Amino acid sequence: MGRTLLVSAALALVLTVPVGADDSKDAAKLIGTWKVTGGEKDGKLQASSDLKGKEVKITKDTITCTKDGKTEMACAYTLDTSSKPWKIEMKGTEGDHKGKTMKGIVKLEGDTLKVCHAKPDKAAPKDFATNVGECCFTMERAKR
């Protein structure tokens, strides 16, 4: 009887935890301002001069990319943290990709964030190295 009661209590506890509760905690780790420290496009490294002054601001549902304070691109996004790497889908709201959907992958390690995505309406990259039609950016969390 004691074992049955213990199993029932454990099952009741598991059933009260909402599915996906960790997803929102993981996604919240992305919120903040990030300085772009590296980039790759179409399999080629981007020049450091192209990356200088680039920042990415992430809220719970938007990503805004700026260079020297001017918005280059903005999008709404959804994040799936149930897989490794995380999957991201971005819908452009400003810039060259306005109205288009881009799929990608995300890796967060401490204060380093890496996002790789394909050109609009293409399948997400499989890994964190680019091929033709893909972009990857490495970012460091901006110090407050």
N, C-alpha and C. Protein backbone atom coordinates (compact mmCIF):
# COMPACT_ATOMS: atom_id res chain seq x y z
N MET A 1 0.82 -1.19 0.00
CA MET A 1 0.00 0.00 0.00
C MET A 1 0.87 1.26 0.00
N GLY A 2 1.93 1.25 0.78
CA GLY A 2 2.81 2.41 0.85
C GLY A 2 3.43 2.72 -0.50
N ARG A 3 3.83 1.65 -1.23
CA ARG A 3 4.44 1.86 -2.54
C ARG A 3 3.41 2.41 -3.52
N THR A 4 2.18 1.91 -3.46
CA THR A 4 1.11 2.39 -4.35
C THR A 4 0.83 3.86 -4.08
N LEU A 5 0.80 4.25 -2.83
CA LEU A 5 0.56 5.65 -2.47
C LEU A 5 1.69 6.54 -2.98
N LEU A 6 2.93 6.06 -2.84
CA LEU A 6 4.07 6.84 -3.31
C LEU A 6 4.04 7.00 -4.83
N VAL A 7 3.75 5.93 -5.57
CA VAL A 7 3.65 5.99 -7.02
C VAL A 7 2.52 6.93 -7.44
N SER A 8 1.37 6.85 -6.75
CA SER A 8 0.23 7.73 -7.07
C SER A 8 0.58 9.19 -6.84
N ALA A 9 1.29 9.47 -5.74
CA ALA A 9 1.68 10.85 -5.45
C ALA A 9 2.66 11.37 -6.50
N ALA A 10 3.62 10.52 -6.89
CA ALA A 10 4.58 10.93 -7.92
C ALA A 10 3.89 11.18 -9.25
N LEU A 11 2.95 10.30 -9.63
CA LEU A 11 2.21 10.47 -10.87
C LEU A 11 1.38 11.75 -10.84
N ALA A 12 0.75 12.04 -9.72
CA ALA A 12 -0.04 13.27 -9.59
C ALA A 12 0.84 14.50 -9.75
N LEU A 13 2.06 14.45 -9.20
CA LEU A 13 2.98 15.57 -9.31
C LEU A 13 3.41 15.77 -10.76
N VAL A 14 3.74 14.69 -11.45
CA VAL A 14 4.15 14.77 -12.85
C VAL A 14 3.02 15.33 -13.71
N LEU A 15 1.81 14.93 -13.46
CA LEU A 15 0.68 15.37 -14.28
C LEU A 15 0.31 16.83 -14.06
N THR A 16 0.77 17.44 -12.96
CA THR A 16 0.44 18.84 -12.72
C THR A 16 1.46 19.80 -13.33
N VAL A 17 2.62 19.29 -13.78
CA VAL A 17 3.62 20.15 -14.41
C VAL A 17 3.21 20.37 -15.86
N PRO A 18 3.03 21.62 -16.30
CA PRO A 18 2.62 21.87 -17.67
C PRO A 18 3.65 21.41 -18.68
N VAL A 19 3.19 20.81 -19.76
CA VAL A 19 4.07 20.38 -20.84
C VAL A 19 4.70 21.63 -21.46
N GLY A 20 5.99 21.59 -21.70
CA GLY A 20 6.66 22.72 -22.33
C GLY A 20 7.06 23.81 -21.35
N ALA A 21 6.93 23.58 -20.06
CA ALA A 21 7.28 24.61 -19.08
C ALA A 21 8.74 25.02 -19.22
N ASP A 22 9.63 24.07 -19.51
CA ASP A 22 11.04 24.40 -19.67
C ASP A 22 11.29 25.19 -20.95
N ASP A 23 10.43 25.03 -21.97
CA ASP A 23 10.60 25.77 -23.22
C ASP A 23 10.64 27.27 -22.97
N SER A 24 9.71 27.76 -22.16
CA SER A 24 9.66 29.21 -21.93
C SER A 24 10.87 29.67 -21.12
N LYS A 25 11.35 28.84 -20.21
CA LYS A 25 12.55 29.19 -19.44
C LYS A 25 13.77 29.27 -20.36
N ASP A 26 13.90 28.28 -21.25
CA ASP A 26 15.02 28.29 -22.19
C ASP A 26 14.94 29.48 -23.13
N ALA A 27 13.76 29.74 -23.67
CA ALA A 27 13.57 30.86 -24.60
C ALA A 27 13.87 32.19 -23.92
N ALA A 28 13.54 32.31 -22.65
CA ALA A 28 13.78 33.56 -21.91
C ALA A 28 15.27 33.88 -21.82
N LYS A 29 16.13 32.87 -21.93
CA LYS A 29 17.57 33.08 -21.86
C LYS A 29 18.09 33.88 -23.06
N LEU A 30 17.31 33.94 -24.14
CA LEU A 30 17.74 34.68 -25.33
C LEU A 30 17.45 36.17 -25.22
N ILE A 31 16.52 36.55 -24.35
CA ILE A 31 16.10 37.95 -24.25
C ILE A 31 17.26 38.82 -23.81
N GLY A 32 17.48 39.90 -24.57
CA GLY A 32 18.54 40.82 -24.24
C GLY A 32 19.18 41.39 -25.49
N THR A 33 20.31 42.05 -25.31
CA THR A 33 21.06 42.65 -26.42
C THR A 33 22.33 41.85 -26.64
N TRP A 34 22.60 41.56 -27.90
CA TRP A 34 23.73 40.73 -28.29
C TRP A 34 24.60 41.49 -29.29
N LYS A 35 25.91 41.43 -29.13
CA LYS A 35 26.85 42.03 -30.07
C LYS A 35 27.30 40.93 -31.04
N VAL A 36 27.21 41.19 -32.32
CA VAL A 36 27.63 40.22 -33.34
C VAL A 36 29.15 40.19 -33.37
N THR A 37 29.71 38.99 -33.17
CA THR A 37 31.16 38.83 -33.11
C THR A 37 31.71 38.01 -34.29
N GLY A 38 30.83 37.34 -35.01
CA GLY A 38 31.28 36.55 -36.15
C GLY A 38 30.12 36.28 -37.10
N GLY A 39 30.44 36.10 -38.35
CA GLY A 39 29.41 35.83 -39.33
C GLY A 39 29.93 35.04 -40.51
N GLU A 40 29.04 34.27 -41.08
CA GLU A 40 29.37 33.46 -42.24
C GLU A 40 28.15 33.47 -43.15
N LYS A 41 28.38 33.64 -44.44
CA LYS A 41 27.28 33.69 -45.40
C LYS A 41 27.70 32.93 -46.65
N ASP A 42 26.83 32.04 -47.10
CA ASP A 42 27.11 31.25 -48.30
C ASP A 42 28.44 30.50 -48.21
N GLY A 43 28.79 30.05 -46.98
CA GLY A 43 30.02 29.29 -46.79
C GLY A 43 31.28 30.11 -46.66
N LYS A 44 31.15 31.44 -46.64
CA LYS A 44 32.32 32.32 -46.54
C LYS A 44 32.23 33.20 -45.31
N LEU A 45 33.36 33.37 -44.62
CA LEU A 45 33.41 34.25 -43.45
C LEU A 45 33.15 35.68 -43.88
N GLN A 46 32.42 36.43 -43.04
CA GLN A 46 32.20 37.84 -43.32
C GLN A 46 33.33 38.66 -42.71
N ALA A 47 33.69 39.72 -43.36
CA ALA A 47 34.77 40.60 -42.89
C ALA A 47 34.37 41.23 -41.57
N SER A 48 35.35 41.41 -40.69
CA SER A 48 35.07 42.02 -39.39
C SER A 48 34.53 43.43 -39.56
N SER A 49 34.92 44.13 -40.63
CA SER A 49 34.40 45.49 -40.87
C SER A 49 32.89 45.46 -41.17
N ASP A 50 32.40 44.37 -41.78
CA ASP A 50 30.96 44.23 -42.05
C ASP A 50 30.18 43.98 -40.77
N LEU A 51 30.84 43.40 -39.77
CA LEU A 51 30.17 43.04 -38.52
C LEU A 51 30.28 44.12 -37.45
N LYS A 52 31.24 45.04 -37.61
CA LYS A 52 31.45 46.09 -36.61
C LYS A 52 30.18 46.93 -36.47
N GLY A 53 29.77 47.14 -35.21
CA GLY A 53 28.59 47.96 -34.94
C GLY A 53 27.27 47.23 -35.05
N LYS A 54 27.30 45.92 -35.33
CA LYS A 54 26.05 45.15 -35.43
C LYS A 54 25.61 44.66 -34.07
N GLU A 55 24.33 44.84 -33.78
CA GLU A 55 23.72 44.35 -32.55
C GLU A 55 22.40 43.67 -32.88
N VAL A 56 22.02 42.76 -32.01
CA VAL A 56 20.75 42.06 -32.15
C VAL A 56 20.03 42.20 -30.82
N LYS A 57 18.80 42.72 -30.88
CA LYS A 57 17.98 42.84 -29.67
C LYS A 57 16.86 41.82 -29.77
N ILE A 58 16.75 40.99 -28.72
CA ILE A 58 15.75 39.93 -28.70
C ILE A 58 14.80 40.17 -27.54
N THR A 59 13.50 40.17 -27.85
CA THR A 59 12.45 40.21 -26.83
C THR A 59 11.80 38.83 -26.82
N LYS A 60 10.72 38.68 -26.09
CA LYS A 60 10.08 37.37 -26.03
C LYS A 60 9.48 36.95 -27.37
N ASP A 61 9.26 37.90 -28.29
CA ASP A 61 8.65 37.52 -29.57
C ASP A 61 9.19 38.27 -30.78
N THR A 62 10.22 39.11 -30.61
CA THR A 62 10.79 39.82 -31.76
C THR A 62 12.32 39.80 -31.72
N ILE A 63 12.90 39.91 -32.91
CA ILE A 63 14.34 40.05 -33.07
C ILE A 63 14.56 41.27 -33.96
N THR A 64 15.42 42.19 -33.51
CA THR A 64 15.74 43.38 -34.30
C THR A 64 17.25 43.45 -34.47
N CYS A 65 17.68 43.51 -35.73
CA CYS A 65 19.11 43.59 -36.06
C CYS A 65 19.43 45.02 -36.48
N THR A 66 20.45 45.59 -35.84
CA THR A 66 20.84 46.96 -36.15
C THR A 66 22.33 47.02 -36.48
N LYS A 67 22.69 48.05 -37.22
CA LYS A 67 24.11 48.36 -37.46
C LYS A 67 24.27 49.84 -37.19
N ASP A 68 25.14 50.17 -36.27
CA ASP A 68 25.37 51.56 -35.87
C ASP A 68 24.06 52.25 -35.50
N GLY A 69 23.17 51.51 -34.84
CA GLY A 69 21.92 52.08 -34.34
C GLY A 69 20.77 52.12 -35.34
N LYS A 70 21.00 51.75 -36.60
CA LYS A 70 19.94 51.78 -37.62
C LYS A 70 19.44 50.36 -37.87
N THR A 71 18.11 50.20 -37.89
CA THR A 71 17.52 48.88 -38.09
C THR A 71 17.77 48.38 -39.50
N GLU A 72 18.37 47.21 -39.60
CA GLU A 72 18.59 46.54 -40.88
C GLU A 72 17.49 45.51 -41.16
N MET A 73 17.05 44.83 -40.09
CA MET A 73 16.03 43.80 -40.22
C MET A 73 15.32 43.62 -38.90
N ALA A 74 14.04 43.30 -38.96
CA ALA A 74 13.28 42.96 -37.77
C ALA A 74 12.36 41.81 -38.14
N CYS A 75 12.05 40.97 -37.14
CA CYS A 75 11.16 39.85 -37.40
C CYS A 75 10.49 39.40 -36.12
N ALA A 76 9.36 38.74 -36.29
CA ALA A 76 8.70 38.01 -35.21
C ALA A 76 9.27 36.60 -35.28
N TYR A 77 9.34 35.91 -34.14
CA TYR A 77 9.91 34.57 -34.19
C TYR A 77 9.21 33.63 -33.22
N THR A 78 9.36 32.34 -33.52
CA THR A 78 8.95 31.29 -32.60
C THR A 78 10.17 30.38 -32.43
N LEU A 79 10.29 29.83 -31.23
CA LEU A 79 11.44 29.01 -30.89
C LEU A 79 10.96 27.67 -30.36
N ASP A 80 11.54 26.60 -30.86
CA ASP A 80 11.24 25.25 -30.40
C ASP A 80 12.48 24.73 -29.69
N THR A 81 12.43 24.67 -28.35
CA THR A 81 13.59 24.23 -27.57
C THR A 81 13.51 22.74 -27.22
N SER A 82 12.54 22.04 -27.80
CA SER A 82 12.39 20.62 -27.48
C SER A 82 13.37 19.75 -28.26
N SER A 83 14.06 20.32 -29.24
CA SER A 83 15.01 19.54 -30.02
C SER A 83 16.41 20.12 -29.84
N LYS A 84 17.42 19.35 -30.21
CA LYS A 84 18.80 19.82 -30.19
C LYS A 84 19.30 19.74 -31.61
N PRO A 85 19.78 20.79 -32.24
CA PRO A 85 19.73 22.16 -31.73
C PRO A 85 18.30 22.69 -31.73
N TRP A 86 18.12 23.81 -31.03
CA TRP A 86 16.81 24.44 -31.03
C TRP A 86 16.46 24.87 -32.45
N LYS A 87 15.17 24.91 -32.74
CA LYS A 87 14.71 25.36 -34.06
C LYS A 87 14.05 26.73 -33.91
N ILE A 88 14.27 27.58 -34.91
CA ILE A 88 13.69 28.91 -34.90
C ILE A 88 13.02 29.17 -36.25
N GLU A 89 11.90 29.86 -36.19
CA GLU A 89 11.23 30.30 -37.41
C GLU A 89 11.00 31.79 -37.27
N MET A 90 11.48 32.55 -38.25
CA MET A 90 11.41 34.01 -38.19
C MET A 90 10.59 34.54 -39.36
N LYS A 91 9.68 35.45 -39.07
CA LYS A 91 8.84 36.07 -40.10
C LYS A 91 9.23 37.55 -40.16
N GLY A 92 9.80 37.97 -41.29
CA GLY A 92 10.29 39.33 -41.45
C GLY A 92 9.20 40.38 -41.33
N THR A 93 9.47 41.44 -40.55
CA THR A 93 8.53 42.55 -40.39
C THR A 93 9.12 43.86 -40.91
N GLU A 94 10.47 43.91 -41.06
CA GLU A 94 11.16 45.08 -41.62
C GLU A 94 12.39 44.60 -42.37
N GLY A 95 12.80 45.36 -43.37
CA GLY A 95 14.02 45.04 -44.11
C GLY A 95 13.77 44.21 -45.35
N ASP A 96 14.85 43.66 -45.90
CA ASP A 96 14.79 42.91 -47.15
C ASP A 96 13.88 41.69 -47.10
N HIS A 97 13.72 41.12 -45.93
CA HIS A 97 12.93 39.89 -45.82
C HIS A 97 11.52 40.12 -45.26
N LYS A 98 11.04 41.35 -45.37
CA LYS A 98 9.70 41.66 -44.86
C LYS A 98 8.66 40.75 -45.53
N GLY A 99 7.84 40.12 -44.69
CA GLY A 99 6.78 39.24 -45.19
C GLY A 99 7.25 37.84 -45.56
N LYS A 100 8.54 37.56 -45.37
CA LYS A 100 9.08 36.24 -45.73
C LYS A 100 9.43 35.46 -44.46
N THR A 101 9.44 34.13 -44.59
CA THR A 101 9.74 33.26 -43.46
C THR A 101 11.10 32.61 -43.64
N MET A 102 11.90 32.65 -42.58
CA MET A 102 13.22 32.02 -42.58
C MET A 102 13.27 31.00 -41.45
N LYS A 103 13.80 29.83 -41.73
CA LYS A 103 13.93 28.76 -40.74
C LYS A 103 15.39 28.56 -40.40
N GLY A 104 15.63 28.26 -39.12
CA GLY A 104 17.01 28.09 -38.71
C GLY A 104 17.16 27.25 -37.47
N ILE A 105 18.39 27.26 -36.96
CA ILE A 105 18.75 26.55 -35.74
C ILE A 105 19.48 27.50 -34.81
N VAL A 106 19.43 27.20 -33.51
CA VAL A 106 19.97 28.08 -32.48
C VAL A 106 20.75 27.24 -31.46
N LYS A 107 21.88 27.78 -31.02
CA LYS A 107 22.65 27.15 -29.95
C LYS A 107 23.06 28.24 -28.97
N LEU A 108 22.76 28.02 -27.69
CA LEU A 108 23.13 28.95 -26.63
C LEU A 108 24.05 28.23 -25.66
N GLU A 109 25.26 28.80 -25.48
CA GLU A 109 26.22 28.26 -24.53
C GLU A 109 26.72 29.42 -23.68
N GLY A 110 26.22 29.50 -22.46
CA GLY A 110 26.58 30.61 -21.58
C GLY A 110 26.13 31.93 -22.18
N ASP A 111 27.08 32.84 -22.42
CA ASP A 111 26.76 34.15 -23.00
C ASP A 111 27.11 34.20 -24.49
N THR A 112 27.18 33.04 -25.13
CA THR A 112 27.44 32.97 -26.57
C THR A 112 26.24 32.36 -27.27
N LEU A 113 25.74 33.06 -28.27
CA LEU A 113 24.57 32.63 -29.02
C LEU A 113 24.96 32.47 -30.49
N LYS A 114 24.56 31.36 -31.08
CA LYS A 114 24.81 31.14 -32.49
C LYS A 114 23.48 30.84 -33.17
N VAL A 115 23.19 31.58 -34.24
CA VAL A 115 21.96 31.40 -35.02
C VAL A 115 22.36 31.20 -36.47
N CYS A 116 21.88 30.13 -37.06
CA CYS A 116 22.08 29.87 -38.48
C CYS A 116 20.72 29.73 -39.13
N HIS A 117 20.55 30.38 -40.27
CA HIS A 117 19.26 30.29 -40.96
C HIS A 117 19.45 30.25 -42.47
N ALA A 118 18.42 29.73 -43.12
CA ALA A 118 18.44 29.64 -44.58
C ALA A 118 17.77 30.88 -45.17
N LYS A 119 17.95 31.06 -46.47
CA LYS A 119 17.23 32.12 -47.17
C LYS A 119 15.74 31.86 -47.02
N PRO A 120 14.92 32.89 -47.23
CA PRO A 120 13.47 32.73 -47.06
C PRO A 120 12.89 31.54 -47.82
N ASP A 121 11.96 30.88 -47.14
CA ASP A 121 11.18 29.77 -47.70
C ASP A 121 12.02 28.55 -48.07
N LYS A 122 13.18 28.39 -47.45
CA LYS A 122 14.03 27.20 -47.65
C LYS A 122 14.11 26.43 -46.34
N ALA A 123 14.54 25.18 -46.40
CA ALA A 123 14.68 24.35 -45.21
C ALA A 123 15.80 24.88 -44.31
N ALA A 124 15.65 24.67 -43.02
CA ALA A 124 16.66 25.10 -42.05
C ALA A 124 17.96 24.36 -42.26
N PRO A 125 19.10 25.01 -41.95
CA PRO A 125 20.39 24.32 -42.02
C PRO A 125 20.40 23.13 -41.06
N LYS A 126 21.24 22.17 -41.35
CA LYS A 126 21.36 20.97 -40.50
C LYS A 126 22.42 21.16 -39.41
N ASP A 127 23.41 22.03 -39.68
CA ASP A 127 24.47 22.25 -38.70
C ASP A 127 24.89 23.72 -38.70
N PHE A 128 25.91 24.04 -37.92
CA PHE A 128 26.31 25.43 -37.71
C PHE A 128 27.46 25.87 -38.62
N ALA A 129 27.50 25.35 -39.81
CA ALA A 129 28.42 25.80 -40.86
C ALA A 129 27.56 26.06 -42.09
N THR A 130 27.82 27.13 -42.79
CA THR A 130 26.91 27.51 -43.87
C THR A 130 27.26 26.87 -45.20
N ASN A 131 26.22 26.73 -45.98
CA ASN A 131 26.31 26.35 -47.39
C ASN A 131 25.75 27.52 -48.18
N VAL A 132 25.73 27.42 -49.49
CA VAL A 132 25.13 28.46 -50.32
C VAL A 132 23.67 28.64 -49.88
N GLY A 133 23.27 29.89 -49.69
CA GLY A 133 21.90 30.20 -49.30
C GLY A 133 21.66 30.18 -47.81
N GLU A 134 22.71 30.14 -47.01
CA GLU A 134 22.57 30.10 -45.55
C GLU A 134 23.47 31.15 -44.90
N CYS A 135 23.07 31.60 -43.70
CA CYS A 135 23.83 32.57 -42.91
C CYS A 135 23.96 32.06 -41.48
N CYS A 136 25.09 32.32 -40.86
CA CYS A 136 25.31 32.02 -39.44
C CYS A 136 25.90 33.25 -38.77
N PHE A 137 25.43 33.52 -37.58
CA PHE A 137 25.98 34.63 -36.79
C PHE A 137 26.29 34.15 -35.40
N THR A 138 27.46 34.55 -34.91
CA THR A 138 27.84 34.28 -33.53
C THR A 138 27.76 35.59 -32.78
N MET A 139 27.16 35.55 -31.59
CA MET A 139 26.95 36.77 -30.80
C MET A 139 27.34 36.55 -29.35
N GLU A 140 27.76 37.62 -28.72
CA GLU A 140 28.06 37.63 -27.29
C GLU A 140 27.07 38.55 -26.61
N ARG A 141 26.59 38.12 -25.44
CA ARG A 141 25.65 38.96 -24.68
C ARG A 141 26.34 40.28 -24.36
N ALA A 142 25.67 41.39 -24.64
CA ALA A 142 26.22 42.72 -24.37
C ALA A 142 26.29 42.94 -22.86
N LYS A 143 27.38 43.51 -22.41
CA LYS A 143 27.55 43.81 -20.98
C LYS A 143 26.68 45.01 -20.64
N ARG A 144 26.10 44.97 -19.47
CA ARG A 144 25.20 46.05 -19.04
C ARG A 144 25.94 47.18 -18.43
